[in-house]
Amino acid sequence: MLAIEDITNNVIRVEDGLWVSRTQSWVSYPQDGNVACYAVEDNSFWFKHRNRCILELVRAYPPGGTVFDVGGGNGFVSQALNKAGIDTVLVEPGATGVAHAKARGIPVIIHSTLEGAGFKPHSIPAIGLFDVLEHIQDDTGFLATLRDHLIPNGRLYITVPAYRRLWSVADDDAGHYHRYTLKSGVDCLV
């Protein structure tokens, strides 16, 4: 496990396993979003299936170090990765998500956005953005920032909602800016 204090310059340890950013930022996610997800994650076919897919992806393309689950909400994915023996740190800006992740037993949590944590350049072995990128207006700029945070040959794992034609009021309510196709997703990365 990476030493958090060695790779950031804007978080303080408030208790064992919990780090908090000195500054907090607004994110495009509903205030009650983590509460709604927490109520269904453990029994939801969709959330369980998504975790199985993510685990298969991470096993097929191993991270070579700790995975930072950025915007990981209640820690549902972080919990699955940790249980599978994959070192994972949850980076979550929402206080409710952090509280739920603590209740789930996530061993290392950074209560912050990625930017707010002040990670040092090229210090993170792997980043997971599991249904996060669509909440970021400047998704291409954000991905460029991720490149600067990753170690050389670091891994980036991403899940996103598909197809603009499937846009609905649920996307508006969730604070989404984007939906993706394989081509638009790849275009964002280059």
N, C-alpha and C. Protein backbone atom coordinates (compact mmCIF):
# COMPACT_ATOMS: atom_id res chain seq x y z
N MET A 1 0.85 -1.19 0.00
CA MET A 1 0.00 0.00 0.00
C MET A 1 0.88 1.24 0.00
N LEU A 2 0.52 2.19 -0.83
CA LEU A 2 1.24 3.46 -0.89
C LEU A 2 1.02 4.25 0.40
N ALA A 3 2.00 5.02 0.81
CA ALA A 3 1.86 5.93 1.94
C ALA A 3 1.22 7.22 1.43
N ILE A 4 0.00 7.48 1.84
CA ILE A 4 -0.76 8.64 1.35
C ILE A 4 0.02 9.93 1.56
N GLU A 5 0.64 10.08 2.71
CA GLU A 5 1.37 11.32 3.01
C GLU A 5 2.55 11.55 2.07
N ASP A 6 3.02 10.50 1.40
CA ASP A 6 4.14 10.64 0.47
C ASP A 6 3.72 11.07 -0.94
N ILE A 7 2.43 10.94 -1.25
CA ILE A 7 2.01 11.22 -2.62
C ILE A 7 1.03 12.38 -2.75
N THR A 8 0.66 13.01 -1.63
CA THR A 8 -0.25 14.16 -1.68
C THR A 8 0.33 15.32 -0.89
N ASN A 9 -0.20 16.51 -1.17
CA ASN A 9 0.24 17.66 -0.39
C ASN A 9 -0.92 18.49 0.13
N ASN A 10 -2.14 17.96 0.07
CA ASN A 10 -3.28 18.75 0.53
C ASN A 10 -4.28 17.95 1.35
N VAL A 11 -3.86 16.83 1.92
CA VAL A 11 -4.76 16.06 2.78
C VAL A 11 -4.12 15.89 4.15
N ILE A 12 -4.97 15.77 5.14
CA ILE A 12 -4.50 15.49 6.50
C ILE A 12 -5.20 14.24 7.02
N ARG A 13 -4.48 13.47 7.80
CA ARG A 13 -5.08 12.27 8.39
C ARG A 13 -5.88 12.68 9.61
N VAL A 14 -7.17 12.33 9.62
CA VAL A 14 -8.03 12.68 10.74
C VAL A 14 -8.27 11.50 11.66
N GLU A 15 -8.09 10.32 11.13
CA GLU A 15 -8.15 9.09 11.92
C GLU A 15 -7.52 7.99 11.10
N ASP A 16 -7.30 6.85 11.72
CA ASP A 16 -6.65 5.75 11.02
C ASP A 16 -7.43 5.40 9.75
N GLY A 17 -6.78 5.51 8.61
CA GLY A 17 -7.39 5.15 7.34
C GLY A 17 -8.24 6.23 6.69
N LEU A 18 -8.44 7.36 7.36
CA LEU A 18 -9.27 8.43 6.79
C LEU A 18 -8.47 9.71 6.66
N TRP A 19 -8.41 10.19 5.42
CA TRP A 19 -7.71 11.42 5.07
C TRP A 19 -8.72 12.41 4.54
N VAL A 20 -8.53 13.69 4.84
CA VAL A 20 -9.47 14.72 4.41
C VAL A 20 -8.69 15.85 3.74
N SER A 21 -9.22 16.32 2.63
CA SER A 21 -8.61 17.44 1.92
C SER A 21 -8.79 18.72 2.72
N ARG A 22 -7.79 19.57 2.66
CA ARG A 22 -7.88 20.87 3.33
C ARG A 22 -8.89 21.78 2.62
N THR A 23 -9.21 21.47 1.36
CA THR A 23 -10.19 22.24 0.60
C THR A 23 -11.20 21.28 -0.01
N GLN A 24 -12.44 21.70 -0.10
CA GLN A 24 -13.49 20.87 -0.69
C GLN A 24 -14.02 21.58 -1.94
N SER A 25 -14.39 20.80 -2.94
CA SER A 25 -14.88 21.34 -4.21
C SER A 25 -16.28 20.82 -4.50
N TRP A 26 -17.01 21.60 -5.28
CA TRP A 26 -18.32 21.19 -5.74
C TRP A 26 -18.18 20.12 -6.80
N VAL A 27 -19.08 19.15 -6.81
CA VAL A 27 -19.13 18.13 -7.87
C VAL A 27 -20.55 18.03 -8.39
N SER A 28 -20.69 17.60 -9.63
CA SER A 28 -21.98 17.47 -10.27
C SER A 28 -22.58 16.10 -9.94
N TYR A 29 -23.08 16.01 -8.72
CA TYR A 29 -23.70 14.77 -8.26
C TYR A 29 -24.75 15.15 -7.23
N PRO A 30 -25.93 14.53 -7.30
CA PRO A 30 -27.00 14.92 -6.39
C PRO A 30 -26.65 14.67 -4.91
N GLN A 31 -27.10 15.57 -4.04
CA GLN A 31 -26.82 15.46 -2.61
C GLN A 31 -27.24 14.11 -2.05
N ASP A 32 -28.38 13.60 -2.50
CA ASP A 32 -28.89 12.33 -1.96
C ASP A 32 -28.50 11.12 -2.80
N GLY A 33 -27.61 11.31 -3.77
CA GLY A 33 -27.24 10.21 -4.67
C GLY A 33 -26.60 9.03 -3.95
N ASN A 34 -25.70 9.28 -3.02
CA ASN A 34 -25.06 8.18 -2.30
C ASN A 34 -26.04 7.44 -1.40
N VAL A 35 -27.00 8.17 -0.84
CA VAL A 35 -28.01 7.54 0.01
C VAL A 35 -28.85 6.58 -0.84
N ALA A 36 -29.29 7.06 -2.00
CA ALA A 36 -30.13 6.23 -2.88
C ALA A 36 -29.38 4.99 -3.34
N CYS A 37 -28.11 5.14 -3.71
CA CYS A 37 -27.33 3.98 -4.17
C CYS A 37 -27.06 3.01 -3.02
N TYR A 38 -26.72 3.53 -1.86
CA TYR A 38 -26.40 2.68 -0.71
C TYR A 38 -27.57 1.79 -0.34
N ALA A 39 -28.78 2.29 -0.53
CA ALA A 39 -29.98 1.53 -0.19
C ALA A 39 -30.17 0.30 -1.07
N VAL A 40 -29.56 0.30 -2.27
CA VAL A 40 -29.80 -0.82 -3.20
C VAL A 40 -28.56 -1.61 -3.60
N GLU A 41 -27.36 -1.04 -3.41
CA GLU A 41 -26.14 -1.66 -3.95
C GLU A 41 -25.97 -3.13 -3.57
N ASP A 42 -26.11 -3.45 -2.31
CA ASP A 42 -25.82 -4.82 -1.86
C ASP A 42 -26.76 -5.87 -2.44
N ASN A 43 -27.96 -5.47 -2.84
CA ASN A 43 -28.93 -6.44 -3.36
C ASN A 43 -29.27 -6.24 -4.83
N SER A 44 -28.59 -5.34 -5.49
CA SER A 44 -28.91 -5.00 -6.87
C SER A 44 -28.16 -5.90 -7.85
N PHE A 45 -28.92 -6.52 -8.76
CA PHE A 45 -28.30 -7.31 -9.82
C PHE A 45 -27.32 -6.45 -10.60
N TRP A 46 -27.73 -5.22 -10.96
CA TRP A 46 -26.90 -4.37 -11.79
C TRP A 46 -25.59 -4.04 -11.10
N PHE A 47 -25.62 -3.61 -9.84
CA PHE A 47 -24.39 -3.27 -9.13
C PHE A 47 -23.48 -4.49 -8.96
N LYS A 48 -24.07 -5.64 -8.65
CA LYS A 48 -23.26 -6.86 -8.50
C LYS A 48 -22.62 -7.26 -9.83
N HIS A 49 -23.41 -7.21 -10.91
CA HIS A 49 -22.90 -7.57 -12.24
C HIS A 49 -21.79 -6.61 -12.67
N ARG A 50 -22.00 -5.32 -12.43
CA ARG A 50 -20.99 -4.32 -12.75
C ARG A 50 -19.69 -4.61 -12.00
N ASN A 51 -19.77 -4.96 -10.73
CA ASN A 51 -18.57 -5.31 -9.98
C ASN A 51 -17.86 -6.52 -10.57
N ARG A 52 -18.62 -7.53 -10.98
CA ARG A 52 -18.00 -8.71 -11.60
C ARG A 52 -17.26 -8.32 -12.88
N CYS A 53 -17.86 -7.45 -13.67
CA CYS A 53 -17.22 -7.00 -14.91
C CYS A 53 -15.95 -6.20 -14.60
N ILE A 54 -16.02 -5.32 -13.62
CA ILE A 54 -14.86 -4.52 -13.24
C ILE A 54 -13.74 -5.43 -12.73
N LEU A 55 -14.08 -6.39 -11.91
CA LEU A 55 -13.06 -7.31 -11.39
C LEU A 55 -12.39 -8.10 -12.52
N GLU A 56 -13.16 -8.54 -13.48
CA GLU A 56 -12.58 -9.27 -14.62
C GLU A 56 -11.64 -8.37 -15.42
N LEU A 57 -12.03 -7.14 -15.61
CA LEU A 57 -11.20 -6.18 -16.33
C LEU A 57 -9.88 -5.95 -15.59
N VAL A 58 -9.96 -5.72 -14.29
CA VAL A 58 -8.77 -5.44 -13.50
C VAL A 58 -7.87 -6.68 -13.43
N ARG A 59 -8.46 -7.85 -13.36
CA ARG A 59 -7.64 -9.08 -13.37
C ARG A 59 -6.97 -9.29 -14.72
N ALA A 60 -7.67 -8.94 -15.80
CA ALA A 60 -7.10 -9.12 -17.14
C ALA A 60 -5.98 -8.11 -17.41
N TYR A 61 -6.10 -6.94 -16.82
CA TYR A 61 -5.10 -5.87 -16.98
C TYR A 61 -4.69 -5.39 -15.58
N PRO A 62 -3.83 -6.16 -14.91
CA PRO A 62 -3.49 -5.87 -13.51
C PRO A 62 -2.90 -4.47 -13.33
N PRO A 63 -3.20 -3.84 -12.20
CA PRO A 63 -2.80 -2.46 -11.98
C PRO A 63 -1.32 -2.24 -11.67
N GLY A 64 -0.62 -3.21 -11.19
CA GLY A 64 0.78 -3.01 -10.85
C GLY A 64 0.97 -2.13 -9.63
N GLY A 65 -0.03 -2.04 -8.79
CA GLY A 65 0.01 -1.23 -7.57
C GLY A 65 -1.40 -0.89 -7.14
N THR A 66 -1.50 0.06 -6.27
CA THR A 66 -2.78 0.46 -5.69
C THR A 66 -3.69 1.10 -6.74
N VAL A 67 -4.98 0.74 -6.69
CA VAL A 67 -6.00 1.36 -7.52
C VAL A 67 -6.66 2.46 -6.69
N PHE A 68 -6.73 3.67 -7.25
CA PHE A 68 -7.43 4.77 -6.62
C PHE A 68 -8.80 4.87 -7.27
N ASP A 69 -9.83 4.50 -6.51
CA ASP A 69 -11.22 4.50 -6.97
C ASP A 69 -11.75 5.92 -6.78
N VAL A 70 -11.62 6.73 -7.84
CA VAL A 70 -11.93 8.17 -7.78
C VAL A 70 -13.43 8.37 -7.97
N GLY A 71 -14.04 9.07 -7.02
CA GLY A 71 -15.48 9.29 -7.07
C GLY A 71 -16.23 8.01 -6.80
N GLY A 72 -15.66 7.17 -5.97
CA GLY A 72 -16.18 5.82 -5.72
C GLY A 72 -17.36 5.73 -4.78
N GLY A 73 -17.99 6.85 -4.49
CA GLY A 73 -19.25 6.83 -3.73
C GLY A 73 -19.16 6.12 -2.40
N ASN A 74 -20.02 5.14 -2.23
CA ASN A 74 -20.15 4.40 -0.98
C ASN A 74 -19.11 3.30 -0.79
N GLY A 75 -18.19 3.18 -1.74
CA GLY A 75 -17.14 2.18 -1.62
C GLY A 75 -17.54 0.79 -2.06
N PHE A 76 -18.63 0.66 -2.82
CA PHE A 76 -19.08 -0.66 -3.25
C PHE A 76 -18.05 -1.34 -4.16
N VAL A 77 -17.50 -0.60 -5.11
CA VAL A 77 -16.46 -1.16 -5.99
C VAL A 77 -15.17 -1.35 -5.22
N SER A 78 -14.78 -0.37 -4.41
CA SER A 78 -13.56 -0.49 -3.61
C SER A 78 -13.61 -1.73 -2.73
N GLN A 79 -14.75 -1.98 -2.14
CA GLN A 79 -14.91 -3.17 -1.29
C GLN A 79 -14.68 -4.45 -2.09
N ALA A 80 -15.25 -4.52 -3.28
CA ALA A 80 -15.09 -5.72 -4.12
C ALA A 80 -13.63 -5.89 -4.53
N LEU A 81 -12.98 -4.81 -4.92
CA LEU A 81 -11.57 -4.89 -5.32
C LEU A 81 -10.70 -5.32 -4.14
N ASN A 82 -10.93 -4.73 -2.98
CA ASN A 82 -10.16 -5.11 -1.79
C ASN A 82 -10.38 -6.58 -1.44
N LYS A 83 -11.62 -7.04 -1.49
CA LYS A 83 -11.92 -8.45 -1.18
C LYS A 83 -11.24 -9.39 -2.16
N ALA A 84 -11.02 -8.91 -3.39
CA ALA A 84 -10.34 -9.72 -4.42
C ALA A 84 -8.82 -9.64 -4.28
N GLY A 85 -8.34 -8.94 -3.25
CA GLY A 85 -6.89 -8.85 -3.04
C GLY A 85 -6.21 -7.73 -3.81
N ILE A 86 -7.00 -6.79 -4.33
CA ILE A 86 -6.46 -5.67 -5.09
C ILE A 86 -6.45 -4.45 -4.18
N ASP A 87 -5.26 -3.96 -3.85
CA ASP A 87 -5.10 -2.79 -3.00
C ASP A 87 -5.88 -1.63 -3.59
N THR A 88 -6.78 -1.04 -2.81
CA THR A 88 -7.63 0.03 -3.33
C THR A 88 -7.78 1.14 -2.31
N VAL A 89 -7.70 2.37 -2.79
CA VAL A 89 -7.96 3.56 -1.99
C VAL A 89 -9.19 4.23 -2.58
N LEU A 90 -10.15 4.56 -1.74
CA LEU A 90 -11.33 5.29 -2.18
C LEU A 90 -11.06 6.79 -2.09
N VAL A 91 -11.31 7.50 -3.19
CA VAL A 91 -11.23 8.96 -3.21
C VAL A 91 -12.65 9.45 -3.48
N GLU A 92 -13.28 10.03 -2.46
CA GLU A 92 -14.70 10.38 -2.56
C GLU A 92 -14.95 11.76 -1.96
N PRO A 93 -15.54 12.69 -2.75
CA PRO A 93 -15.79 14.04 -2.24
C PRO A 93 -17.00 14.16 -1.32
N GLY A 94 -17.95 13.23 -1.40
CA GLY A 94 -19.19 13.34 -0.62
C GLY A 94 -19.07 12.77 0.78
N ALA A 95 -19.48 13.55 1.77
CA ALA A 95 -19.40 13.10 3.17
C ALA A 95 -20.26 11.87 3.41
N THR A 96 -21.42 11.79 2.78
CA THR A 96 -22.29 10.64 2.97
C THR A 96 -21.65 9.38 2.39
N GLY A 97 -21.06 9.50 1.21
CA GLY A 97 -20.35 8.36 0.62
C GLY A 97 -19.21 7.89 1.50
N VAL A 98 -18.46 8.85 2.06
CA VAL A 98 -17.34 8.51 2.95
C VAL A 98 -17.86 7.76 4.17
N ALA A 99 -18.95 8.24 4.77
CA ALA A 99 -19.52 7.57 5.95
C ALA A 99 -19.96 6.15 5.61
N HIS A 100 -20.60 5.98 4.45
CA HIS A 100 -21.04 4.64 4.05
C HIS A 100 -19.84 3.73 3.78
N ALA A 101 -18.81 4.28 3.16
CA ALA A 101 -17.60 3.49 2.89
C ALA A 101 -16.93 3.05 4.18
N LYS A 102 -16.89 3.94 5.16
CA LYS A 102 -16.35 3.58 6.47
C LYS A 102 -17.15 2.43 7.07
N ALA A 103 -18.48 2.52 6.97
CA ALA A 103 -19.35 1.46 7.50
C ALA A 103 -19.10 0.13 6.78
N ARG A 104 -18.71 0.20 5.51
CA ARG A 104 -18.40 -1.01 4.74
C ARG A 104 -17.01 -1.55 5.08
N GLY A 105 -16.24 -0.80 5.82
CA GLY A 105 -14.91 -1.26 6.21
C GLY A 105 -13.81 -0.98 5.21
N ILE A 106 -14.01 0.02 4.36
CA ILE A 106 -12.96 0.39 3.40
C ILE A 106 -11.75 0.88 4.21
N PRO A 107 -10.58 0.26 4.03
CA PRO A 107 -9.45 0.57 4.92
C PRO A 107 -8.79 1.93 4.70
N VAL A 108 -8.80 2.47 3.47
CA VAL A 108 -8.18 3.77 3.22
C VAL A 108 -9.14 4.60 2.37
N ILE A 109 -9.51 5.76 2.93
CA ILE A 109 -10.45 6.66 2.27
C ILE A 109 -9.84 8.06 2.29
N ILE A 110 -9.91 8.72 1.14
CA ILE A 110 -9.52 10.12 1.04
C ILE A 110 -10.79 10.91 0.73
N HIS A 111 -11.22 11.74 1.68
CA HIS A 111 -12.43 12.54 1.51
C HIS A 111 -12.04 13.79 0.73
N SER A 112 -12.16 13.71 -0.60
CA SER A 112 -11.71 14.79 -1.47
C SER A 112 -12.06 14.46 -2.91
N THR A 113 -11.97 15.49 -3.75
CA THR A 113 -11.91 15.25 -5.18
C THR A 113 -10.47 14.88 -5.52
N LEU A 114 -10.25 14.40 -6.71
CA LEU A 114 -8.89 14.09 -7.15
C LEU A 114 -8.04 15.35 -7.12
N GLU A 115 -8.57 16.44 -7.66
CA GLU A 115 -7.82 17.69 -7.71
C GLU A 115 -7.55 18.22 -6.31
N GLY A 116 -8.54 18.16 -5.45
CA GLY A 116 -8.42 18.69 -4.10
C GLY A 116 -7.39 17.98 -3.24
N ALA A 117 -7.15 16.71 -3.52
CA ALA A 117 -6.20 15.93 -2.71
C ALA A 117 -4.76 16.39 -2.93
N GLY A 118 -4.48 17.00 -4.06
CA GLY A 118 -3.13 17.48 -4.32
C GLY A 118 -2.13 16.36 -4.54
N PHE A 119 -2.52 15.37 -5.33
CA PHE A 119 -1.60 14.27 -5.62
C PHE A 119 -0.39 14.79 -6.38
N LYS A 120 0.75 14.26 -6.05
CA LYS A 120 1.99 14.64 -6.74
C LYS A 120 1.98 14.04 -8.14
N PRO A 121 2.63 14.71 -9.09
CA PRO A 121 2.66 14.19 -10.46
C PRO A 121 3.26 12.78 -10.52
N HIS A 122 2.65 11.98 -11.34
CA HIS A 122 3.14 10.63 -11.64
C HIS A 122 3.35 9.79 -10.38
N SER A 123 2.34 9.84 -9.48
CA SER A 123 2.45 9.13 -8.21
C SER A 123 1.44 8.00 -8.03
N ILE A 124 0.46 7.90 -8.92
CA ILE A 124 -0.63 6.93 -8.74
C ILE A 124 -0.47 5.78 -9.75
N PRO A 125 -0.43 4.54 -9.26
CA PRO A 125 -0.27 3.39 -10.16
C PRO A 125 -1.48 3.11 -11.05
N ALA A 126 -2.70 3.31 -10.51
CA ALA A 126 -3.90 3.01 -11.28
C ALA A 126 -5.07 3.83 -10.75
N ILE A 127 -5.93 4.25 -11.67
CA ILE A 127 -7.12 5.03 -11.32
C ILE A 127 -8.34 4.33 -11.90
N GLY A 128 -9.37 4.21 -11.09
CA GLY A 128 -10.66 3.72 -11.54
C GLY A 128 -11.67 4.84 -11.53
N LEU A 129 -12.34 5.04 -12.65
CA LEU A 129 -13.44 6.00 -12.77
C LEU A 129 -14.67 5.19 -13.15
N PHE A 130 -15.39 4.74 -12.16
CA PHE A 130 -16.52 3.86 -12.41
C PHE A 130 -17.82 4.66 -12.34
N ASP A 131 -18.30 5.05 -13.53
CA ASP A 131 -19.47 5.91 -13.68
C ASP A 131 -19.23 7.26 -13.01
N VAL A 132 -18.11 7.87 -13.37
CA VAL A 132 -17.71 9.18 -12.84
C VAL A 132 -17.51 10.19 -13.97
N LEU A 133 -16.89 9.78 -15.05
CA LEU A 133 -16.50 10.71 -16.11
C LEU A 133 -17.68 11.51 -16.66
N GLU A 134 -18.85 10.91 -16.72
CA GLU A 134 -20.03 11.60 -17.25
C GLU A 134 -20.47 12.78 -16.39
N HIS A 135 -19.97 12.86 -15.15
CA HIS A 135 -20.30 13.95 -14.23
C HIS A 135 -19.36 15.15 -14.38
N ILE A 136 -18.40 15.06 -15.27
CA ILE A 136 -17.37 16.09 -15.40
C ILE A 136 -17.56 16.81 -16.73
N GLN A 137 -17.84 18.09 -16.66
CA GLN A 137 -18.15 18.85 -17.87
C GLN A 137 -16.98 18.82 -18.85
N ASP A 138 -15.79 19.11 -18.40
CA ASP A 138 -14.60 19.07 -19.26
C ASP A 138 -13.94 17.70 -19.11
N ASP A 139 -14.59 16.70 -19.65
CA ASP A 139 -14.09 15.33 -19.50
C ASP A 139 -12.72 15.13 -20.14
N THR A 140 -12.49 15.74 -21.29
CA THR A 140 -11.19 15.60 -21.96
C THR A 140 -10.08 16.24 -21.13
N GLY A 141 -10.32 17.42 -20.59
CA GLY A 141 -9.34 18.07 -19.72
C GLY A 141 -9.07 17.27 -18.47
N PHE A 142 -10.12 16.68 -17.90
CA PHE A 142 -9.96 15.86 -16.71
C PHE A 142 -9.10 14.64 -17.00
N LEU A 143 -9.33 14.00 -18.15
CA LEU A 143 -8.52 12.84 -18.52
C LEU A 143 -7.06 13.22 -18.71
N ALA A 144 -6.79 14.40 -19.23
CA ALA A 144 -5.41 14.86 -19.35
C ALA A 144 -4.78 15.02 -17.97
N THR A 145 -5.56 15.51 -17.02
CA THR A 145 -5.08 15.63 -15.64
C THR A 145 -4.74 14.26 -15.07
N LEU A 146 -5.56 13.27 -15.38
CA LEU A 146 -5.30 11.91 -14.88
C LEU A 146 -3.96 11.40 -15.40
N ARG A 147 -3.69 11.68 -16.65
CA ARG A 147 -2.42 11.25 -17.26
C ARG A 147 -1.25 11.80 -16.45
N ASP A 148 -1.38 13.02 -15.97
CA ASP A 148 -0.31 13.64 -15.18
C ASP A 148 -0.17 13.01 -13.79
N HIS A 149 -1.25 12.42 -13.30
CA HIS A 149 -1.20 11.79 -11.97
C HIS A 149 -0.68 10.36 -12.01
N LEU A 150 -0.90 9.69 -13.14
CA LEU A 150 -0.50 8.28 -13.23
C LEU A 150 1.00 8.12 -13.37
N ILE A 151 1.52 7.04 -12.79
CA ILE A 151 2.93 6.70 -12.99
C ILE A 151 3.10 6.30 -14.45
N PRO A 152 4.32 6.29 -14.98
CA PRO A 152 4.52 5.81 -16.35
C PRO A 152 3.95 4.40 -16.49
N ASN A 153 3.18 4.18 -17.54
CA ASN A 153 2.50 2.91 -17.82
C ASN A 153 1.45 2.55 -16.77
N GLY A 154 0.96 3.57 -16.04
CA GLY A 154 -0.12 3.33 -15.08
C GLY A 154 -1.41 2.97 -15.80
N ARG A 155 -2.33 2.38 -15.06
CA ARG A 155 -3.59 1.93 -15.64
C ARG A 155 -4.72 2.90 -15.33
N LEU A 156 -5.65 3.01 -16.28
CA LEU A 156 -6.87 3.78 -16.10
C LEU A 156 -8.03 2.87 -16.47
N TYR A 157 -8.92 2.65 -15.52
CA TYR A 157 -10.11 1.82 -15.73
C TYR A 157 -11.33 2.73 -15.70
N ILE A 158 -12.18 2.61 -16.72
CA ILE A 158 -13.32 3.52 -16.84
C ILE A 158 -14.58 2.74 -17.21
N THR A 159 -15.68 3.08 -16.53
CA THR A 159 -17.01 2.68 -16.99
C THR A 159 -17.82 3.96 -17.16
N VAL A 160 -18.66 4.00 -18.19
CA VAL A 160 -19.48 5.18 -18.48
C VAL A 160 -20.83 4.73 -19.02
N PRO A 161 -21.84 5.60 -18.93
CA PRO A 161 -23.12 5.27 -19.57
C PRO A 161 -23.00 5.43 -21.09
N ALA A 162 -23.72 4.60 -21.79
CA ALA A 162 -23.60 4.54 -23.25
C ALA A 162 -24.71 5.32 -23.96
N TYR A 163 -24.37 5.80 -25.13
CA TYR A 163 -25.29 6.30 -26.15
C TYR A 163 -26.12 7.51 -25.75
N ARG A 164 -25.83 8.59 -26.38
CA ARG A 164 -26.55 9.85 -26.17
C ARG A 164 -28.05 9.67 -26.43
N ARG A 165 -28.40 8.80 -27.35
CA ARG A 165 -29.82 8.61 -27.66
C ARG A 165 -30.61 8.00 -26.49
N LEU A 166 -29.88 7.47 -25.49
CA LEU A 166 -30.54 6.93 -24.30
C LEU A 166 -30.69 7.98 -23.19
N TRP A 167 -30.30 9.22 -23.48
CA TRP A 167 -30.39 10.29 -22.49
C TRP A 167 -31.82 10.40 -21.99
N SER A 168 -31.96 10.56 -20.67
CA SER A 168 -33.30 10.70 -20.09
C SER A 168 -33.24 11.67 -18.91
N VAL A 169 -34.37 11.89 -18.31
CA VAL A 169 -34.43 12.75 -17.13
C VAL A 169 -33.55 12.19 -16.01
N ALA A 170 -33.32 10.88 -16.01
CA ALA A 170 -32.44 10.28 -15.00
C ALA A 170 -31.01 10.82 -15.13
N ASP A 171 -30.57 11.08 -16.36
CA ASP A 171 -29.24 11.68 -16.57
C ASP A 171 -29.21 13.10 -16.02
N ASP A 172 -30.27 13.86 -16.27
CA ASP A 172 -30.35 15.23 -15.74
C ASP A 172 -30.31 15.20 -14.22
N ASP A 173 -31.12 14.33 -13.63
CA ASP A 173 -31.20 14.23 -12.17
C ASP A 173 -29.88 13.80 -11.55
N ALA A 174 -29.12 12.96 -12.27
CA ALA A 174 -27.85 12.45 -11.75
C ALA A 174 -26.70 13.44 -11.93
N GLY A 175 -26.92 14.53 -12.65
CA GLY A 175 -25.86 15.50 -12.86
C GLY A 175 -24.90 15.11 -13.97
N HIS A 176 -25.40 14.37 -14.95
CA HIS A 176 -24.56 13.96 -16.07
C HIS A 176 -24.40 15.09 -17.08
N TYR A 177 -23.24 15.12 -17.70
CA TYR A 177 -22.98 16.00 -18.83
C TYR A 177 -22.87 15.22 -20.13
N HIS A 178 -22.54 13.93 -20.03
CA HIS A 178 -22.22 13.14 -21.22
C HIS A 178 -22.76 11.72 -21.14
N ARG A 179 -22.93 11.13 -22.31
CA ARG A 179 -23.03 9.69 -22.51
C ARG A 179 -22.04 9.39 -23.62
N TYR A 180 -21.61 8.15 -23.76
CA TYR A 180 -20.49 7.85 -24.65
C TYR A 180 -20.78 6.68 -25.58
N THR A 181 -20.08 6.72 -26.70
CA THR A 181 -19.95 5.55 -27.57
C THR A 181 -18.49 5.12 -27.46
N LEU A 182 -18.15 4.00 -28.03
CA LEU A 182 -16.74 3.58 -28.00
C LEU A 182 -15.88 4.64 -28.69
N LYS A 183 -16.35 5.16 -29.82
CA LYS A 183 -15.57 6.18 -30.52
C LYS A 183 -15.43 7.47 -29.71
N SER A 184 -16.52 7.98 -29.14
CA SER A 184 -16.42 9.22 -28.37
C SER A 184 -15.57 9.03 -27.13
N GLY A 185 -15.62 7.85 -26.53
CA GLY A 185 -14.78 7.56 -25.37
C GLY A 185 -13.31 7.55 -25.74
N VAL A 186 -12.99 6.93 -26.86
CA VAL A 186 -11.60 6.88 -27.33
C VAL A 186 -11.14 8.28 -27.71
N ASP A 187 -11.99 9.05 -28.37
CA ASP A 187 -11.64 10.41 -28.75
C ASP A 187 -11.30 11.26 -27.52
N CYS A 188 -11.97 11.01 -26.40
CA CYS A 188 -11.68 11.72 -25.17
C CYS A 188 -10.28 11.40 -24.65
N LEU A 189 -9.84 10.20 -24.90
CA LEU A 189 -8.56 9.74 -24.35
C LEU A 189 -7.35 10.20 -25.15
N VAL A 190 -7.54 10.55 -26.39
CA VAL A 190 -6.37 10.92 -27.20
C VAL A 190 -6.19 12.42 -27.32
